[in-house]
């Protein structure tokens, strides 16, 4: 498998994970962290870090909005227990 196909597949898997987590608002970040060692906030941080490696600046709020599908304060208000 060439690198471009591999990267496209990995990108698709990440998008699928993000959509899955957006649909599972009942799963709290602390639960993810305890079980998997990462949470939505980790994903948003990794997103920012990878953007920075490419010379792009992504704000914390923009990265979280990308992962959560809405502004983080709104998600917290609606779903955080």
PDB file of N, CA and C in Angstrom:
ATOM      1  N   UNK A   1       0.850  -1.169   0.000  1.00  0.00           N
ATOM      2  CA  UNK A   1       0.000   0.000   0.000  1.00  0.00           C
ATOM      3  C   UNK A   1       0.900   1.238   0.000  1.00  0.00           C
ATOM      4  N   UNK A   2       0.601   2.156  -0.908  1.00  0.00           N
ATOM      5  CA  UNK A   2       1.450   3.352  -0.939  1.00  0.00           C
ATOM      6  C   UNK A   2       1.046   4.333   0.164  1.00  0.00           C
ATOM      7  N   UNK A   3       1.925   5.279   0.425  1.00  0.00           N
ATOM      8  CA  UNK A   3       1.764   6.210   1.546  1.00  0.00           C
ATOM      9  C   UNK A   3       0.510   7.072   1.404  1.00  0.00           C
ATOM     10  N   UNK A   4       0.183   7.498   0.202  1.00  0.00           N
ATOM     11  CA  UNK A   4      -0.992   8.347   0.005  1.00  0.00           C
ATOM     12  C   UNK A   4      -2.277   7.591   0.353  1.00  0.00           C
ATOM     13  N   UNK A   5      -2.388   6.358  -0.077  1.00  0.00           N
ATOM     14  CA  UNK A   5      -3.569   5.553   0.240  1.00  0.00           C
ATOM     15  C   UNK A   5      -3.641   5.311   1.745  1.00  0.00           C
ATOM     16  N   UNK A   6      -2.506   4.985   2.337  1.00  0.00           N
ATOM     17  CA  UNK A   6      -2.456   4.768   3.788  1.00  0.00           C
ATOM     18  C   UNK A   6      -2.924   6.006   4.536  1.00  0.00           C
ATOM     19  N   UNK A   7      -2.431   7.186   4.151  1.00  0.00           N
ATOM     20  CA  UNK A   7      -2.844   8.437   4.798  1.00  0.00           C
ATOM     21  C   UNK A   7      -4.325   8.716   4.603  1.00  0.00           C
ATOM     22  N   UNK A   8      -4.844   8.439   3.412  1.00  0.00           N
ATOM     23  CA  UNK A   8      -6.275   8.636   3.157  1.00  0.00           C
ATOM     24  C   UNK A   8      -7.123   7.710   4.030  1.00  0.00           C
ATOM     25  N   UNK A   9      -6.701   6.470   4.175  1.00  0.00           N
ATOM     26  CA  UNK A   9      -7.428   5.533   5.031  1.00  0.00           C
ATOM     27  C   UNK A   9      -7.387   5.973   6.488  1.00  0.00           C
ATOM     28  N   UNK A  10      -6.220   6.396   6.946  1.00  0.00           N
ATOM     29  CA  UNK A  10      -6.099   6.855   8.331  1.00  0.00           C
ATOM     30  C   UNK A  10      -6.958   8.092   8.576  1.00  0.00           C
ATOM     31  N   UNK A  11      -7.002   8.984   7.619  1.00  0.00           N
ATOM     32  CA  UNK A  11      -7.847  10.168   7.726  1.00  0.00           C
ATOM     33  C   UNK A  11      -9.320   9.779   7.818  1.00  0.00           C
ATOM     34  N   UNK A  12      -9.730   8.820   6.991  1.00  0.00           N
ATOM     35  CA  UNK A  12     -11.122   8.364   7.000  1.00  0.00           C
ATOM     36  C   UNK A  12     -11.466   7.711   8.339  1.00  0.00           C
ATOM     37  N   UNK A  13     -10.533   6.949   8.888  1.00  0.00           N
ATOM     38  CA  UNK A  13     -10.767   6.307  10.183  1.00  0.00           C
ATOM     39  C   UNK A  13     -10.902   7.363  11.281  1.00  0.00           C
ATOM     40  N   UNK A  14     -10.046   8.386  11.258  1.00  0.00           N
ATOM     41  CA  UNK A  14     -10.149   9.443  12.253  1.00  0.00           C
ATOM     42  C   UNK A  14     -11.488  10.161  12.128  1.00  0.00           C
ATOM     43  N   UNK A  15     -11.908  10.460  10.911  1.00  0.00           N
ATOM     44  CA  UNK A  15     -13.208  11.110  10.716  1.00  0.00           C
ATOM     45  C   UNK A  15     -14.334  10.235  11.258  1.00  0.00           C
ATOM     46  N   UNK A  16     -14.220   8.949  11.045  1.00  0.00           N
ATOM     47  CA  UNK A  16     -15.247   8.023  11.553  1.00  0.00           C
ATOM     48  C   UNK A  16     -15.249   8.005  13.082  1.00  0.00           C
ATOM     49  N   UNK A  17     -14.068   8.013  13.697  1.00  0.00           N
ATOM     50  CA  UNK A  17     -13.978   8.068  15.157  1.00  0.00           C
ATOM     51  C   UNK A  17     -14.598   9.352  15.688  1.00  0.00           C
ATOM     52  N   UNK A  18     -14.291  10.476  15.066  1.00  0.00           N
ATOM     53  CA  UNK A  18     -14.861  11.757  15.496  1.00  0.00           C
ATOM     54  C   UNK A  18     -16.382  11.718  15.403  1.00  0.00           C
ATOM     55  N   UNK A  19     -16.917  11.232  14.294  1.00  0.00           N
ATOM     56  CA  UNK A  19     -18.378  11.150  14.138  1.00  0.00           C
ATOM     57  C   UNK A  19     -18.981  10.200  15.169  1.00  0.00           C
ATOM     58  N   UNK A  20     -18.302   9.106  15.437  1.00  0.00           N
ATOM     59  CA  UNK A  20     -18.780   8.164  16.452  1.00  0.00           C
ATOM     60  C   UNK A  20     -18.856   8.837  17.824  1.00  0.00           C
ATOM     61  N   UNK A  21     -17.796   9.562  18.193  1.00  0.00           N
ATOM     62  CA  UNK A  21     -17.793  10.235  19.487  1.00  0.00           C
ATOM     63  C   UNK A  21     -18.831  11.346  19.555  1.00  0.00           C
ATOM     64  N   UNK A  22     -19.078  12.017  18.442  1.00  0.00           N
ATOM     65  CA  UNK A  22     -20.124  13.049  18.428  1.00  0.00           C
ATOM     66  C   UNK A  22     -21.493  12.433  18.679  1.00  0.00           C
ATOM     67  N   UNK A  23     -21.672  11.215  18.221  1.00  0.00           N
ATOM     68  CA  UNK A  23     -22.939  10.522  18.431  1.00  0.00           C
ATOM     69  C   UNK A  23     -23.071   9.872  19.795  1.00  0.00           C
ATOM     70  N   UNK A  24     -21.975   9.804  20.521  1.00  0.00           N
ATOM     71  CA  UNK A  24     -21.982   9.178  21.844  1.00  0.00           C
ATOM     72  C   UNK A  24     -21.742  10.220  22.922  1.00  0.00           C
ATOM     73  N   UNK A  25     -22.623  11.209  22.962  1.00  0.00           N
ATOM     74  CA  UNK A  25     -22.500  12.270  23.963  1.00  0.00           C
ATOM     75  C   UNK A  25     -22.704  11.753  25.378  1.00  0.00           C
ATOM     76  N   UNK A  26     -23.255  10.547  25.494  1.00  0.00           N
ATOM     77  CA  UNK A  26     -23.428   9.954  26.815  1.00  0.00           C
ATOM     78  C   UNK A  26     -22.104   9.496  27.420  1.00  0.00           C
ATOM     79  N   UNK A  27     -21.113   9.306  26.583  1.00  0.00           N
ATOM     80  CA  UNK A  27     -19.799   8.884  27.060  1.00  0.00           C
ATOM     81  C   UNK A  27     -19.008  10.136  27.442  1.00  0.00           C
ATOM     82  N   UNK A  28     -18.684  10.224  28.709  1.00  0.00           N
ATOM     83  CA  UNK A  28     -17.972  11.382  29.226  1.00  0.00           C
ATOM     84  C   UNK A  28     -16.477  11.259  28.937  1.00  0.00           C
ATOM     85  N   UNK A  29     -15.800  12.396  28.852  1.00  0.00           N
ATOM     86  CA  UNK A  29     -14.359  12.395  28.615  1.00  0.00           C
ATOM     87  C   UNK A  29     -13.604  11.616  29.689  1.00  0.00           C
ATOM     88  N   UNK A  30     -14.039  11.727  30.934  1.00  0.00           N
ATOM     89  CA  UNK A  30     -13.353  11.016  32.013  1.00  0.00           C
ATOM     90  C   UNK A  30     -13.457   9.512  31.801  1.00  0.00           C
ATOM     91  N   UNK A  31     -14.596   9.054  31.278  1.00  0.00           N
ATOM     92  CA  UNK A  31     -14.759   7.628  30.983  1.00  0.00           C
ATOM     93  C   UNK A  31     -13.793   7.189  29.888  1.00  0.00           C
ATOM     94  N   UNK A  32     -13.696   8.003  28.834  1.00  0.00           N
ATOM     95  CA  UNK A  32     -12.753   7.702  27.757  1.00  0.00           C
ATOM     96  C   UNK A  32     -11.324   7.664  28.291  1.00  0.00           C
ATOM     97  N   UNK A  33     -10.972   8.649  29.102  1.00  0.00           N
ATOM     98  CA  UNK A  33      -9.619   8.732  29.631  1.00  0.00           C
ATOM     99  C   UNK A  33      -9.309   7.514  30.500  1.00  0.00           C
ATOM    100  N   UNK A  34     -10.245   7.133  31.346  1.00  0.00           N
ATOM    101  CA  UNK A  34     -10.022   5.982  32.227  1.00  0.00           C
ATOM    102  C   UNK A  34      -9.900   4.676  31.452  1.00  0.00           C
ATOM    103  N   UNK A  35     -10.684   4.525  30.402  1.00  0.00           N
ATOM    104  CA  UNK A  35     -10.691   3.266  29.659  1.00  0.00           C
ATOM    105  C   UNK A  35      -9.660   3.214  28.537  1.00  0.00           C
ATOM    106  N   UNK A  36      -9.473   4.334  27.849  1.00  0.00           N
ATOM    107  CA  UNK A  36      -8.646   4.316  26.641  1.00  0.00           C
ATOM    108  C   UNK A  36      -7.363   5.134  26.762  1.00  0.00           C
ATOM    109  N   UNK A  37      -7.280   5.980  27.784  1.00  0.00           N
ATOM    110  CA  UNK A  37      -6.076   6.787  27.938  1.00  0.00           C
ATOM    111  C   UNK A  37      -6.056   8.046  27.087  1.00  0.00           C
ATOM    112  N   UNK A  38      -7.195   8.364  26.445  1.00  0.00           N
ATOM    113  CA  UNK A  38      -7.327   9.616  25.691  1.00  0.00           C
ATOM    114  C   UNK A  38      -8.798  10.006  25.707  1.00  0.00           C
ATOM    115  N   UNK A  39      -9.045  11.279  25.384  1.00  0.00           N
ATOM    116  CA  UNK A  39     -10.423  11.768  25.336  1.00  0.00           C
ATOM    117  C   UNK A  39     -10.563  12.740  24.169  1.00  0.00           C
ATOM    118  N   UNK A  40     -11.719  13.350  24.071  1.00  0.00           N
ATOM    119  CA  UNK A  40     -11.970  14.315  22.995  1.00  0.00           C
ATOM    120  C   UNK A  40     -10.988  15.481  23.049  1.00  0.00           C
ATOM    121  N   UNK A  41     -10.663  15.926  24.271  1.00  0.00           N
ATOM    122  CA  UNK A  41      -9.716  17.036  24.405  1.00  0.00           C
ATOM    123  C   UNK A  41      -8.327  16.631  23.929  1.00  0.00           C
ATOM    124  N   UNK A  42      -7.949  15.386  24.166  1.00  0.00           N
ATOM    125  CA  UNK A  42      -6.667  14.889  23.641  1.00  0.00           C
ATOM    126  C   UNK A  42      -6.684  14.948  22.120  1.00  0.00           C
ATOM    127  N   UNK A  43      -7.775  14.496  21.510  1.00  0.00           N
ATOM    128  CA  UNK A  43      -7.881  14.530  20.043  1.00  0.00           C
ATOM    129  C   UNK A  43      -7.741  15.951  19.529  1.00  0.00           C
ATOM    130  N   UNK A  44      -8.378  16.896  20.203  1.00  0.00           N
ATOM    131  CA  UNK A  44      -8.287  18.290  19.738  1.00  0.00           C
ATOM    132  C   UNK A  44      -6.867  18.822  19.903  1.00  0.00           C
ATOM    133  N   UNK A  45      -6.196  18.437  20.976  1.00  0.00           N
ATOM    134  CA  UNK A  45      -4.793  18.851  21.168  1.00  0.00           C
ATOM    135  C   UNK A  45      -3.898  18.237  20.086  1.00  0.00           C
ATOM    136  N   UNK A  46      -4.097  16.967  19.788  1.00  0.00           N
ATOM    137  CA  UNK A  46      -3.304  16.304  18.747  1.00  0.00           C
ATOM    138  C   UNK A  46      -3.550  16.964  17.392  1.00  0.00           C
ATOM    139  N   UNK A  47      -4.783  17.362  17.150  1.00  0.00           N
ATOM    140  CA  UNK A  47      -5.141  18.055  15.906  1.00  0.00           C
ATOM    141  C   UNK A  47      -4.333  19.352  15.786  1.00  0.00           C
ATOM    142  N   UNK A  48      -4.314  20.143  16.867  1.00  0.00           N
ATOM    143  CA  UNK A  48      -3.542  21.398  16.887  1.00  0.00           C
ATOM    144  C   UNK A  48      -2.057  21.135  16.685  1.00  0.00           C
ATOM    145  N   UNK A  49      -1.541  20.120  17.373  1.00  0.00           N
ATOM    146  CA  UNK A  49      -0.113  19.812  17.280  1.00  0.00           C
ATOM    147  C   UNK A  49       0.279  19.392  15.860  1.00  0.00           C
ATOM    148  N   UNK A  50      -0.561  18.605  15.222  1.00  0.00           N
ATOM    149  CA  UNK A  50      -0.259  18.173  13.853  1.00  0.00           C
ATOM    150  C   UNK A  50      -0.366  19.345  12.879  1.00  0.00           C
ATOM    151  N   UNK A  51      -1.324  20.241  13.108  1.00  0.00           N
ATOM    152  CA  UNK A  51      -1.436  21.440  12.272  1.00  0.00           C
ATOM    153  C   UNK A  51      -0.174  22.279  12.407  1.00  0.00           C
ATOM    154  N   UNK A  52       0.305  22.430  13.641  1.00  0.00           N
ATOM    155  CA  UNK A  52       1.508  23.228  13.880  1.00  0.00           C
ATOM    156  C   UNK A  52       2.713  22.646  13.144  1.00  0.00           C
ATOM    157  N   UNK A  53       2.821  21.319  13.107  1.00  0.00           N
ATOM    158  CA  UNK A  53       3.918  20.671  12.375  1.00  0.00           C
ATOM    159  C   UNK A  53       3.876  21.019  10.891  1.00  0.00           C
ATOM    160  N   UNK A  54       2.682  21.325  10.386  1.00  0.00           N
ATOM    161  CA  UNK A  54       2.516  21.680   8.976  1.00  0.00           C
ATOM    162  C   UNK A  54       2.585  23.185   8.768  1.00  0.00           C
ATOM    163  N   UNK A  55       2.912  23.937   9.844  1.00  0.00           N
ATOM    164  CA  UNK A  55       3.034  25.379   9.737  1.00  0.00           C
ATOM    165  C   UNK A  55       1.706  26.109   9.821  1.00  0.00           C
ATOM    166  N   UNK A  56       0.683  25.435  10.343  1.00  0.00           N
ATOM    167  CA  UNK A  56      -0.649  26.031  10.468  1.00  0.00           C
ATOM    168  C   UNK A  56      -0.954  26.302  11.924  1.00  0.00           C
ATOM    169  N   UNK A  57      -1.589  27.420  12.181  1.00  0.00           N
ATOM    170  CA  UNK A  57      -2.014  27.747  13.537  1.00  0.00           C
ATOM    171  C   UNK A  57      -3.510  27.472  13.656  1.00  0.00           C
ATOM    172  N   UNK A  58      -3.851  26.603  14.586  1.00  0.00           N
ATOM    173  CA  UNK A  58      -5.248  26.304  14.883  1.00  0.00           C
ATOM    174  C   UNK A  58      -5.445  26.615  16.356  1.00  0.00           C
ATOM    175  N   UNK A  59      -6.445  27.428  16.655  1.00  0.00           N
ATOM    176  CA  UNK A  59      -6.689  27.784  18.057  1.00  0.00           C
ATOM    177  C   UNK A  59      -7.273  26.584  18.799  1.00  0.00           C
ATOM    178  N   UNK A  60      -7.148  26.625  20.109  1.00  0.00           N
ATOM    179  CA  UNK A  60      -7.718  25.577  20.944  1.00  0.00           C
ATOM    180  C   UNK A  60      -9.225  25.481  20.715  1.00  0.00           C
ATOM    181  N   UNK A  61      -9.897  26.613  20.676  1.00  0.00           N
ATOM    182  CA  UNK A  61     -11.355  26.585  20.495  1.00  0.00           C
ATOM    183  C   UNK A  61     -11.752  26.045  19.122  1.00  0.00           C
ATOM    184  N   UNK A  62     -10.990  26.374  18.074  1.00  0.00           N
ATOM    185  CA  UNK A  62     -11.289  25.838  16.742  1.00  0.00           C
ATOM    186  C   UNK A  62     -11.046  24.336  16.676  1.00  0.00           C
ATOM    187  N   UNK A  63      -9.983  23.876  17.305  1.00  0.00           N
ATOM    188  CA  UNK A  63      -9.696  22.436  17.319  1.00  0.00           C
ATOM    189  C   UNK A  63     -10.779  21.677  18.075  1.00  0.00           C
ATOM    190  N   UNK A  64     -11.192  22.211  19.202  1.00  0.00           N
ATOM    191  CA  UNK A  64     -12.255  21.552  19.972  1.00  0.00           C
ATOM    192  C   UNK A  64     -13.567  21.562  19.194  1.00  0.00           C
ATOM    193  N   UNK A  65     -13.865  22.657  18.527  1.00  0.00           N
ATOM    194  CA  UNK A  65     -15.091  22.715  17.721  1.00  0.00           C
ATOM    195  C   UNK A  65     -15.064  21.653  16.621  1.00  0.00           C
ATOM    196  N   UNK A  66     -13.892  21.446  16.042  1.00  0.00           N
ATOM    197  CA  UNK A  66     -13.749  20.412  15.013  1.00  0.00           C
ATOM    198  C   UNK A  66     -14.052  19.026  15.588  1.00  0.00           C
ATOM    199  N   UNK A  67     -13.540  18.730  16.764  1.00  0.00           N
ATOM    200  CA  UNK A  67     -13.729  17.414  17.373  1.00  0.00           C
ATOM    201  C   UNK A  67     -15.132  17.256  17.948  1.00  0.00           C
ATOM    202  N   UNK A  68     -15.619  18.264  18.659  1.00  0.00           N
ATOM    203  CA  UNK A  68     -16.919  18.164  19.321  1.00  0.00           C
ATOM    204  C   UNK A  68     -18.102  18.414  18.386  1.00  0.00           C
ATOM    205  N   UNK A  69     -17.856  19.077  17.266  1.00  0.00           N
ATOM    206  CA  UNK A  69     -18.943  19.390  16.341  1.00  0.00           C
ATOM    207  C   UNK A  69     -19.741  20.609  16.747  1.00  0.00           C
ATOM    208  N   UNK A  70     -19.273  21.311  17.754  1.00  0.00           N
ATOM    209  CA  UNK A  70     -19.902  22.532  18.258  1.00  0.00           C
ATOM    210  C   UNK A  70     -18.905  23.193  19.186  1.00  0.00           C
ATOM    211  N   UNK A  71     -19.141  24.449  19.539  1.00  0.00           N
ATOM    212  CA  UNK A  71     -18.231  25.076  20.503  1.00  0.00           C
ATOM    213  C   UNK A  71     -18.190  24.272  21.806  1.00  0.00           C
ATOM    214  N   UNK A  72     -17.006  24.150  22.360  1.00  0.00           N
ATOM    215  CA  UNK A  72     -16.820  23.343  23.568  1.00  0.00           C
ATOM    216  C   UNK A  72     -17.711  23.778  24.735  1.00  0.00           C
ATOM    217  N   UNK A  73     -17.848  25.083  25.012  1.00  0.00           N
ATOM    218  CA  UNK A  73     -18.738  25.472  26.121  1.00  0.00           C
ATOM    219  C   UNK A  73     -20.180  24.991  25.907  1.00  0.00           C
ATOM    220  N   UNK A  74     -20.628  25.005  24.665  1.00  0.00           N
ATOM    221  CA  UNK A  74     -21.974  24.521  24.360  1.00  0.00           C
ATOM    222  C   UNK A  74     -22.077  23.018  24.637  1.00  0.00           C
ATOM    223  N   UNK A  75     -21.065  22.261  24.213  1.00  0.00           N
ATOM    224  CA  UNK A  75     -21.071  20.812  24.454  1.00  0.00           C
ATOM    225  C   UNK A  75     -21.088  20.531  25.948  1.00  0.00           C
ATOM    226  N   UNK A  76     -20.250  21.254  26.701  1.00  0.00           N
ATOM    227  CA  UNK A  76     -20.196  21.060  28.157  1.00  0.00           C
ATOM    228  C   UNK A  76     -21.561  21.320  28.794  1.00  0.00           C
ATOM    229  N   UNK A  77     -22.196  22.405  28.360  1.00  0.00           N
ATOM    230  CA  UNK A  77     -23.506  22.754  28.915  1.00  0.00           C
ATOM    231  C   UNK A  77     -24.546  21.671  28.632  1.00  0.00           C
ATOM    232  N   UNK A  78     -24.511  21.132  27.425  1.00  0.00           N
ATOM    233  CA  UNK A  78     -25.508  20.133  27.011  1.00  0.00           C
ATOM    234  C   UNK A  78     -25.249  18.739  27.575  1.00  0.00           C
ATOM    235  N   UNK A  79     -23.963  18.335  27.615  1.00  0.00           N
ATOM    236  CA  UNK A  79     -23.679  16.913  27.823  1.00  0.00           C
ATOM    237  C   UNK A  79     -22.806  16.558  29.015  1.00  0.00           C
ATOM    238  N   UNK A  80     -21.999  17.482  29.502  1.00  0.00           N
ATOM    239  CA  UNK A  80     -21.096  17.114  30.592  1.00  0.00           C
ATOM    240  C   UNK A  80     -21.865  16.919  31.876  1.00  0.00           C
ATOM    241  N   UNK A  81     -21.586  15.831  32.539  1.00  0.00           N
ATOM    242  CA  UNK A  81     -22.284  15.503  33.788  1.00  0.00           C
ATOM    243  C   UNK A  81     -21.401  15.789  34.982  1.00  0.00           C
TER     244      UNK A  81
END
